[in-house]
Amino acid sequence: MNAKQSMKVVQSLWIYILYVLIMDFIIISCIFGKAFNYVHESPGVNSYFFTNNIILKNEIETNEWNYVFVNMPFSEVKKMYHKNIK
């Protein structure tokens, strides 16, 4: 194998490693409450958007997020957050 062929093998290996790294994580975002009405475009395939605002469903799905409805009022979400982040 000459140097040029070795370089192509190395490049292919790096492309494969980057693909595995990109496909091996999850992006999570959330909005709770009704103060927001805009959602940025999803940065990747494994992107999940949590919200208790059903009005945002179309906006979230249009921007290619996986929509996850949290059936809980914001006050309960806030309590859960403060309880678990200590």
PDB file of N, CA and C in Angstrom:
ATOM      1  N   MET A   1       0.859  -1.179   0.000  1.00  0.00           N
ATOM      2  CA  MET A   1       0.000   0.000   0.000  1.00  0.00           C
ATOM      3  C   MET A   1       0.900   1.235   0.000  1.00  0.00           C
ATOM      4  N   ASN A   2       0.643   2.118  -0.935  1.00  0.00           N
ATOM      5  CA  ASN A   2       1.460   3.335  -0.998  1.00  0.00           C
ATOM      6  C   ASN A   2       0.884   4.424  -0.092  1.00  0.00           C
ATOM      7  N   ALA A   3       1.574   5.548  -0.031  1.00  0.00           N
ATOM      8  CA  ALA A   3       1.193   6.640   0.879  1.00  0.00           C
ATOM      9  C   ALA A   3      -0.185   7.215   0.539  1.00  0.00           C
ATOM     10  N   LYS A   4      -0.488   7.323  -0.755  1.00  0.00           N
ATOM     11  CA  LYS A   4      -1.773   7.884  -1.172  1.00  0.00           C
ATOM     12  C   LYS A   4      -2.929   6.963  -0.742  1.00  0.00           C
ATOM     13  N   GLN A   5      -2.760   5.659  -0.909  1.00  0.00           N
ATOM     14  CA  GLN A   5      -3.781   4.707  -0.495  1.00  0.00           C
ATOM     15  C   GLN A   5      -3.955   4.706   1.023  1.00  0.00           C
ATOM     16  N   SER A   6      -2.839   4.806   1.740  1.00  0.00           N
ATOM     17  CA  SER A   6      -2.895   4.863   3.208  1.00  0.00           C
ATOM     18  C   SER A   6      -3.671   6.083   3.668  1.00  0.00           C
ATOM     19  N   MET A   7      -3.452   7.211   3.001  1.00  0.00           N
ATOM     20  CA  MET A   7      -4.144   8.441   3.355  1.00  0.00           C
ATOM     21  C   MET A   7      -5.650   8.292   3.133  1.00  0.00           C
ATOM     22  N   LYS A   8      -6.068   7.636   2.056  1.00  0.00           N
ATOM     23  CA  LYS A   8      -7.491   7.417   1.793  1.00  0.00           C
ATOM     24  C   LYS A   8      -8.109   6.521   2.864  1.00  0.00           C
ATOM     25  N   VAL A   9      -7.382   5.511   3.297  1.00  0.00           N
ATOM     26  CA  VAL A   9      -7.874   4.634   4.353  1.00  0.00           C
ATOM     27  C   VAL A   9      -8.054   5.418   5.642  1.00  0.00           C
ATOM     28  N   VAL A  10      -7.084   6.261   5.969  1.00  0.00           N
ATOM     29  CA  VAL A  10      -7.157   7.079   7.185  1.00  0.00           C
ATOM     30  C   VAL A  10      -8.332   8.045   7.101  1.00  0.00           C
ATOM     31  N   GLN A  11      -8.527   8.677   5.945  1.00  0.00           N
ATOM     32  CA  GLN A  11      -9.648   9.598   5.765  1.00  0.00           C
ATOM     33  C   GLN A  11     -10.978   8.861   5.939  1.00  0.00           C
ATOM     34  N   SER A  12     -11.095   7.688   5.334  1.00  0.00           N
ATOM     35  CA  SER A  12     -12.323   6.903   5.452  1.00  0.00           C
ATOM     36  C   SER A  12     -12.583   6.526   6.899  1.00  0.00           C
ATOM     37  N   LEU A  13     -11.532   6.162   7.608  1.00  0.00           N
ATOM     38  CA  LEU A  13     -11.660   5.803   9.016  1.00  0.00           C
ATOM     39  C   LEU A  13     -12.142   6.994   9.833  1.00  0.00           C
ATOM     40  N   TRP A  14     -11.595   8.184   9.594  1.00  0.00           N
ATOM     41  CA  TRP A  14     -12.010   9.381  10.334  1.00  0.00           C
ATOM     42  C   TRP A  14     -13.463   9.743  10.025  1.00  0.00           C
ATOM     43  N   ILE A  15     -13.856   9.595   8.771  1.00  0.00           N
ATOM     44  CA  ILE A  15     -15.250   9.877   8.411  1.00  0.00           C
ATOM     45  C   ILE A  15     -16.172   8.918   9.148  1.00  0.00           C
ATOM     46  N   TYR A  16     -15.793   7.645   9.211  1.00  0.00           N
ATOM     47  CA  TYR A  16     -16.605   6.659   9.920  1.00  0.00           C
ATOM     48  C   TYR A  16     -16.670   6.985  11.412  1.00  0.00           C
ATOM     49  N   ILE A  17     -15.537   7.335  12.014  1.00  0.00           N
ATOM     50  CA  ILE A  17     -15.502   7.677  13.451  1.00  0.00           C
ATOM     51  C   ILE A  17     -16.387   8.882  13.729  1.00  0.00           C
ATOM     52  N   LEU A  18     -16.313   9.906  12.898  1.00  0.00           N
ATOM     53  CA  LEU A  18     -17.153  11.089  13.077  1.00  0.00           C
ATOM     54  C   LEU A  18     -18.627  10.731  12.949  1.00  0.00           C
ATOM     55  N   TYR A  19     -18.962   9.868  12.001  1.00  0.00           N
ATOM     56  CA  TYR A  19     -20.340   9.438  11.827  1.00  0.00           C
ATOM     57  C   TYR A  19     -20.840   8.735  13.086  1.00  0.00           C
ATOM     58  N   VAL A  20     -20.032   7.836  13.623  1.00  0.00           N
ATOM     59  CA  VAL A  20     -20.414   7.109  14.836  1.00  0.00           C
ATOM     60  C   VAL A  20     -20.588   8.074  15.999  1.00  0.00           C
ATOM     61  N   LEU A  21     -19.683   9.029  16.140  1.00  0.00           N
ATOM     62  CA  LEU A  21     -19.790  10.003  17.232  1.00  0.00           C
ATOM     63  C   LEU A  21     -21.047  10.854  17.092  1.00  0.00           C
ATOM     64  N   ILE A  22     -21.349  11.267  15.889  1.00  0.00           N
ATOM     65  CA  ILE A  22     -22.522  12.107  15.662  1.00  0.00           C
ATOM     66  C   ILE A  22     -23.803  11.321  15.932  1.00  0.00           C
ATOM     67  N   MET A  23     -23.842  10.070  15.527  1.00  0.00           N
ATOM     68  CA  MET A  23     -25.051   9.265  15.673  1.00  0.00           C
ATOM     69  C   MET A  23     -25.200   8.692  17.083  1.00  0.00           C
ATOM     70  N   ASP A  24     -24.210   8.894  17.933  1.00  0.00           N
ATOM     71  CA  ASP A  24     -24.202   8.238  19.232  1.00  0.00           C
ATOM     72  C   ASP A  24     -24.569   9.179  20.381  1.00  0.00           C
ATOM     73  N   PHE A  25     -25.202  10.302  20.101  1.00  0.00           N
ATOM     74  CA  PHE A  25     -25.628  11.185  21.176  1.00  0.00           C
ATOM     75  C   PHE A  25     -27.037  11.701  20.907  1.00  0.00           C
ATOM     76  N   ILE A  26     -27.636  12.227  21.953  1.00  0.00           N
ATOM     77  CA  ILE A  26     -29.000  12.748  21.871  1.00  0.00           C
ATOM     78  C   ILE A  26     -28.972  14.221  22.261  1.00  0.00           C
ATOM     79  N   ILE A  27     -29.718  15.020  21.538  1.00  0.00           N
ATOM     80  CA  ILE A  27     -29.847  16.442  21.857  1.00  0.00           C
ATOM     81  C   ILE A  27     -31.233  16.643  22.454  1.00  0.00           C
ATOM     82  N   ILE A  28     -31.264  17.277  23.615  1.00  0.00           N
ATOM     83  CA  ILE A  28     -32.526  17.502  24.316  1.00  0.00           C
ATOM     84  C   ILE A  28     -32.698  18.997  24.562  1.00  0.00           C
ATOM     85  N   SER A  29     -33.899  19.480  24.291  1.00  0.00           N
ATOM     86  CA  SER A  29     -34.237  20.864  24.582  1.00  0.00           C
ATOM     87  C   SER A  29     -35.634  20.884  25.182  1.00  0.00           C
ATOM     88  N   CYS A  30     -35.984  21.999  25.806  1.00  0.00           N
ATOM     89  CA  CYS A  30     -37.316  22.075  26.393  1.00  0.00           C
ATOM     90  C   CYS A  30     -37.775  23.517  26.552  1.00  0.00           C
ATOM     91  N   ILE A  31     -39.080  23.670  26.566  1.00  0.00           N
ATOM     92  CA  ILE A  31     -39.738  24.929  26.904  1.00  0.00           C
ATOM     93  C   ILE A  31     -40.941  24.552  27.751  1.00  0.00           C
ATOM     94  N   PHE A  32     -41.038  25.151  28.925  1.00  0.00           N
ATOM     95  CA  PHE A  32     -42.198  24.927  29.786  1.00  0.00           C
ATOM     96  C   PHE A  32     -42.917  26.245  29.991  1.00  0.00           C
ATOM     97  N   GLY A  33     -44.229  26.211  29.938  1.00  0.00           N
ATOM     98  CA  GLY A  33     -45.034  27.418  30.061  1.00  0.00           C
ATOM     99  C   GLY A  33     -45.441  27.930  28.697  1.00  0.00           C
ATOM    100  N   LYS A  34     -46.065  29.097  28.692  1.00  0.00           N
ATOM    101  CA  LYS A  34     -46.605  29.652  27.447  1.00  0.00           C
ATOM    102  C   LYS A  34     -45.941  30.960  27.036  1.00  0.00           C
ATOM    103  N   ALA A  35     -44.778  31.260  27.603  1.00  0.00           N
ATOM    104  CA  ALA A  35     -44.115  32.523  27.302  1.00  0.00           C
ATOM    105  C   ALA A  35     -43.391  32.519  25.958  1.00  0.00           C
ATOM    106  N   PHE A  36     -43.148  31.340  25.398  1.00  0.00           N
ATOM    107  CA  PHE A  36     -42.391  31.243  24.156  1.00  0.00           C
ATOM    108  C   PHE A  36     -43.261  30.667  23.051  1.00  0.00           C
ATOM    109  N   ASN A  37     -42.972  31.084  21.798  1.00  0.00           N
ATOM    110  CA  ASN A  37     -43.721  30.530  20.677  1.00  0.00           C
ATOM    111  C   ASN A  37     -42.841  30.243  19.470  1.00  0.00           C
ATOM    112  N   TYR A  38     -41.516  30.301  19.642  1.00  0.00           N
ATOM    113  CA  TYR A  38     -40.590  30.042  18.542  1.00  0.00           C
ATOM    114  C   TYR A  38     -39.607  28.952  18.958  1.00  0.00           C
ATOM    115  N   VAL A  39     -39.337  28.020  18.042  1.00  0.00           N
ATOM    116  CA  VAL A  39     -38.403  26.931  18.293  1.00  0.00           C
ATOM    117  C   VAL A  39     -37.369  26.920  17.168  1.00  0.00           C
ATOM    118  N   HIS A  40     -36.092  26.870  17.535  1.00  0.00           N
ATOM    119  CA  HIS A  40     -35.023  26.797  16.531  1.00  0.00           C
ATOM    120  C   HIS A  40     -35.044  25.447  15.836  1.00  0.00           C
ATOM    121  N   GLU A  41     -34.460  25.389  14.657  1.00  0.00           N
ATOM    122  CA  GLU A  41     -34.384  24.145  13.899  1.00  0.00           C
ATOM    123  C   GLU A  41     -33.543  23.107  14.640  1.00  0.00           C
ATOM    124  N   SER A  42     -33.943  21.873  14.530  1.00  0.00           N
ATOM    125  CA  SER A  42     -33.235  20.775  15.176  1.00  0.00           C
ATOM    126  C   SER A  42     -31.820  20.636  14.609  1.00  0.00           C
ATOM    127  N   PRO A  43     -30.827  20.444  15.486  1.00  0.00           N
ATOM    128  CA  PRO A  43     -29.456  20.290  15.006  1.00  0.00           C
ATOM    129  C   PRO A  43     -29.103  18.872  14.574  1.00  0.00           C
ATOM    130  N   GLY A  44     -29.981  17.904  14.774  1.00  0.00           N
ATOM    131  CA  GLY A  44     -29.614  16.541  14.411  1.00  0.00           C
ATOM    132  C   GLY A  44     -30.778  15.581  14.435  1.00  0.00           C
ATOM    133  N   VAL A  45     -30.487  14.350  14.076  1.00  0.00           N
ATOM    134  CA  VAL A  45     -31.509  13.312  13.989  1.00  0.00           C
ATOM    135  C   VAL A  45     -32.039  12.925  15.367  1.00  0.00           C
ATOM    136  N   ASN A  46     -31.174  12.768  16.327  1.00  0.00           N
ATOM    137  CA  ASN A  46     -31.566  12.342  17.676  1.00  0.00           C
ATOM    138  C   ASN A  46     -31.864  13.548  18.557  1.00  0.00           C
ATOM    139  N   SER A  47     -32.834  14.355  18.148  1.00  0.00           N
ATOM    140  CA  SER A  47     -33.171  15.580  18.857  1.00  0.00           C
ATOM    141  C   SER A  47     -34.582  15.487  19.425  1.00  0.00           C
ATOM    142  N   TYR A  48     -34.696  15.688  20.714  1.00  0.00           N
ATOM    143  CA  TYR A  48     -35.985  15.572  21.398  1.00  0.00           C
ATOM    144  C   TYR A  48     -36.325  16.882  22.086  1.00  0.00           C
ATOM    145  N   PHE A  49     -37.570  17.312  21.931  1.00  0.00           N
ATOM    146  CA  PHE A  49     -38.018  18.589  22.500  1.00  0.00           C
ATOM    147  C   PHE A  49     -39.162  18.318  23.468  1.00  0.00           C
ATOM    148  N   PHE A  50     -38.934  18.617  24.751  1.00  0.00           N
ATOM    149  CA  PHE A  50     -39.925  18.403  25.803  1.00  0.00           C
ATOM    150  C   PHE A  50     -40.649  19.703  26.099  1.00  0.00           C
ATOM    151  N   THR A  51     -41.972  19.629  26.220  1.00  0.00           N
ATOM    152  CA  THR A  51     -42.754  20.805  26.566  1.00  0.00           C
ATOM    153  C   THR A  51     -44.090  20.396  27.179  1.00  0.00           C
ATOM    154  N   ASN A  52     -44.639  21.301  27.978  1.00  0.00           N
ATOM    155  CA  ASN A  52     -45.998  21.103  28.479  1.00  0.00           C
ATOM    156  C   ASN A  52     -46.972  22.028  27.737  1.00  0.00           C
ATOM    157  N   ASN A  53     -46.511  22.634  26.663  1.00  0.00           N
ATOM    158  CA  ASN A  53     -47.299  23.558  25.856  1.00  0.00           C
ATOM    159  C   ASN A  53     -47.698  22.878  24.547  1.00  0.00           C
ATOM    160  N   ILE A  54     -48.907  22.379  24.487  1.00  0.00           N
ATOM    161  CA  ILE A  54     -49.382  21.644  23.308  1.00  0.00           C
ATOM    162  C   ILE A  54     -49.466  22.531  22.071  1.00  0.00           C
ATOM    163  N   ILE A  55     -49.571  23.833  22.268  1.00  0.00           N
ATOM    164  CA  ILE A  55     -49.645  24.781  21.151  1.00  0.00           C
ATOM    165  C   ILE A  55     -48.358  24.753  20.318  1.00  0.00           C
ATOM    166  N   LEU A  56     -47.230  24.382  20.926  1.00  0.00           N
ATOM    167  CA  LEU A  56     -45.941  24.362  20.227  1.00  0.00           C
ATOM    168  C   LEU A  56     -45.716  23.105  19.383  1.00  0.00           C
ATOM    169  N   LYS A  57     -46.611  22.141  19.447  1.00  0.00           N
ATOM    170  CA  LYS A  57     -46.388  20.864  18.754  1.00  0.00           C
ATOM    171  C   LYS A  57     -46.058  21.052  17.273  1.00  0.00           C
ATOM    172  N   ASN A  58     -46.846  21.816  16.554  1.00  0.00           N
ATOM    173  CA  ASN A  58     -46.607  22.027  15.129  1.00  0.00           C
ATOM    174  C   ASN A  58     -45.263  22.709  14.880  1.00  0.00           C
ATOM    175  N   GLU A  59     -44.947  23.721  15.669  1.00  0.00           N
ATOM    176  CA  GLU A  59     -43.675  24.450  15.539  1.00  0.00           C
ATOM    177  C   GLU A  59     -42.489  23.511  15.774  1.00  0.00           C
ATOM    178  N   ILE A  60     -42.588  22.670  16.778  1.00  0.00           N
ATOM    179  CA  ILE A  60     -41.514  21.733  17.119  1.00  0.00           C
ATOM    180  C   ILE A  60     -41.325  20.711  16.000  1.00  0.00           C
ATOM    181  N   GLU A  61     -42.403  20.114  15.544  1.00  0.00           N
ATOM    182  CA  GLU A  61     -42.305  19.106  14.493  1.00  0.00           C
ATOM    183  C   GLU A  61     -41.895  19.700  13.149  1.00  0.00           C
ATOM    184  N   THR A  62     -42.314  20.927  12.862  1.00  0.00           N
ATOM    185  CA  THR A  62     -41.910  21.615  11.635  1.00  0.00           C
ATOM    186  C   THR A  62     -40.401  21.833  11.609  1.00  0.00           C
ATOM    187  N   ASN A  63     -39.817  22.067  12.773  1.00  0.00           N
ATOM    188  CA  ASN A  63     -38.374  22.285  12.877  1.00  0.00           C
ATOM    189  C   ASN A  63     -37.600  20.995  13.128  1.00  0.00           C
ATOM    190  N   GLU A  64     -38.249  19.869  12.843  1.00  0.00           N
ATOM    191  CA  GLU A  64     -37.635  18.539  12.810  1.00  0.00           C
ATOM    192  C   GLU A  64     -37.139  18.011  14.159  1.00  0.00           C
ATOM    193  N   TRP A  65     -37.811  18.391  15.229  1.00  0.00           N
ATOM    194  CA  TRP A  65     -37.555  17.815  16.543  1.00  0.00           C
ATOM    195  C   TRP A  65     -38.521  16.655  16.755  1.00  0.00           C
ATOM    196  N   ASN A  66     -38.179  15.741  17.639  1.00  0.00           N
ATOM    197  CA  ASN A  66     -39.119  14.726  18.115  1.00  0.00           C
ATOM    198  C   ASN A  66     -39.875  15.357  19.276  1.00  0.00           C
ATOM    199  N   TYR A  67     -41.166  15.519  19.094  1.00  0.00           N
ATOM    200  CA  TYR A  67     -42.021  16.194  20.081  1.00  0.00           C
ATOM    201  C   TYR A  67     -42.338  15.245  21.243  1.00  0.00           C
ATOM    202  N   VAL A  68     -42.118  15.734  22.480  1.00  0.00           N
ATOM    203  CA  VAL A  68     -42.457  14.950  23.673  1.00  0.00           C
ATOM    204  C   VAL A  68     -43.299  15.841  24.583  1.00  0.00           C
ATOM    205  N   PHE A  69     -44.572  15.479  24.742  1.00  0.00           N
ATOM    206  CA  PHE A  69     -45.465  16.253  25.589  1.00  0.00           C
ATOM    207  C   PHE A  69     -45.295  15.826  27.047  1.00  0.00           C
ATOM    208  N   VAL A  70     -45.094  16.802  27.915  1.00  0.00           N
ATOM    209  CA  VAL A  70     -44.973  16.554  29.353  1.00  0.00           C
ATOM    210  C   VAL A  70     -46.284  16.999  29.986  1.00  0.00           C
ATOM    211  N   ASN A  71     -47.077  16.044  30.420  1.00  0.00           N
ATOM    212  CA  ASN A  71     -48.395  16.342  30.967  1.00  0.00           C
ATOM    213  C   ASN A  71     -48.273  16.737  32.438  1.00  0.00           C
ATOM    214  N   MET A  72     -47.770  17.949  32.640  1.00  0.00           N
ATOM    215  CA  MET A  72     -47.500  18.423  33.991  1.00  0.00           C
ATOM    216  C   MET A  72     -47.474  19.957  33.974  1.00  0.00           C
ATOM    217  N   PRO A  73     -48.120  20.610  34.917  1.00  0.00           N
ATOM    218  CA  PRO A  73     -48.049  22.078  34.962  1.00  0.00           C
ATOM    219  C   PRO A  73     -46.641  22.551  35.301  1.00  0.00           C
ATOM    220  N   PHE A  74     -46.333  23.755  34.884  1.00  0.00           N
ATOM    221  CA  PHE A  74     -44.994  24.309  35.094  1.00  0.00           C
ATOM    222  C   PHE A  74     -44.600  24.319  36.564  1.00  0.00           C
ATOM    223  N   SER A  75     -45.523  24.579  37.459  1.00  0.00           N
ATOM    224  CA  SER A  75     -45.199  24.616  38.894  1.00  0.00           C
ATOM    225  C   SER A  75     -44.653  23.269  39.369  1.00  0.00           C
ATOM    226  N   GLU A  76     -45.193  22.166  38.843  1.00  0.00           N
ATOM    227  CA  GLU A  76     -44.702  20.834  39.207  1.00  0.00           C
ATOM    228  C   GLU A  76     -43.333  20.563  38.599  1.00  0.00           C
ATOM    229  N   VAL A  77     -43.120  20.997  37.357  1.00  0.00           N
ATOM    230  CA  VAL A  77     -41.818  20.841  36.705  1.00  0.00           C
ATOM    231  C   VAL A  77     -40.760  21.589  37.504  1.00  0.00           C
ATOM    232  N   LYS A  78     -41.103  22.791  37.942  1.00  0.00           N
ATOM    233  CA  LYS A  78     -40.176  23.625  38.720  1.00  0.00           C
ATOM    234  C   LYS A  78     -39.809  22.937  40.039  1.00  0.00           C
ATOM    235  N   LYS A  79     -40.780  22.361  40.722  1.00  0.00           N
ATOM    236  CA  LYS A  79     -40.517  21.637  41.977  1.00  0.00           C
ATOM    237  C   LYS A  79     -39.582  20.456  41.735  1.00  0.00           C
ATOM    238  N   MET A  80     -39.856  19.709  40.650  1.00  0.00           N
ATOM    239  CA  MET A  80     -39.031  18.563  40.310  1.00  0.00           C
ATOM    240  C   MET A  80     -37.595  18.987  40.032  1.00  0.00           C
ATOM    241  N   TYR A  81     -37.436  20.068  39.299  1.00  0.00           N
ATOM    242  CA  TYR A  81     -36.114  20.585  38.955  1.00  0.00           C
ATOM    243  C   TYR A  81     -35.338  20.941  40.214  1.00  0.00           C
ATOM    244  N   HIS A  82     -35.968  21.686  41.114  1.00  0.00           N
ATOM    245  CA  HIS A  82     -35.281  22.114  42.333  1.00  0.00           C
ATOM    246  C   HIS A  82     -34.983  20.944  43.259  1.00  0.00           C
ATOM    247  N   LYS A  83     -35.836  19.958  43.265  1.00  0.00           N
ATOM    248  CA  LYS A  83     -35.637  18.793  44.112  1.00  0.00           C
ATOM    249  C   LYS A  83     -34.448  17.960  43.631  1.00  0.00           C
ATOM    250  N   ASN A  84     -34.292  17.798  42.308  1.00  0.00           N
ATOM    251  CA  ASN A  84     -33.263  16.930  41.758  1.00  0.00           C
ATOM    252  C   ASN A  84     -31.938  17.617  41.474  1.00  0.00           C
ATOM    253  N   ILE A  85     -31.906  18.934  41.427  1.00  0.00           N
ATOM    254  CA  ILE A  85     -30.670  19.660  41.153  1.00  0.00           C
ATOM    255  C   ILE A  85     -30.151  20.262  42.461  1.00  0.00           C
ATOM    256  N   LYS A  86     -29.598  19.433  43.291  1.00  0.00           N
ATOM    257  CA  LYS A  86     -29.034  19.915  44.564  1.00  0.00           C
ATOM    258  C   LYS A  86     -27.622  19.445  44.720  1.00  0.00           C
TER     259      LYS A  86
END
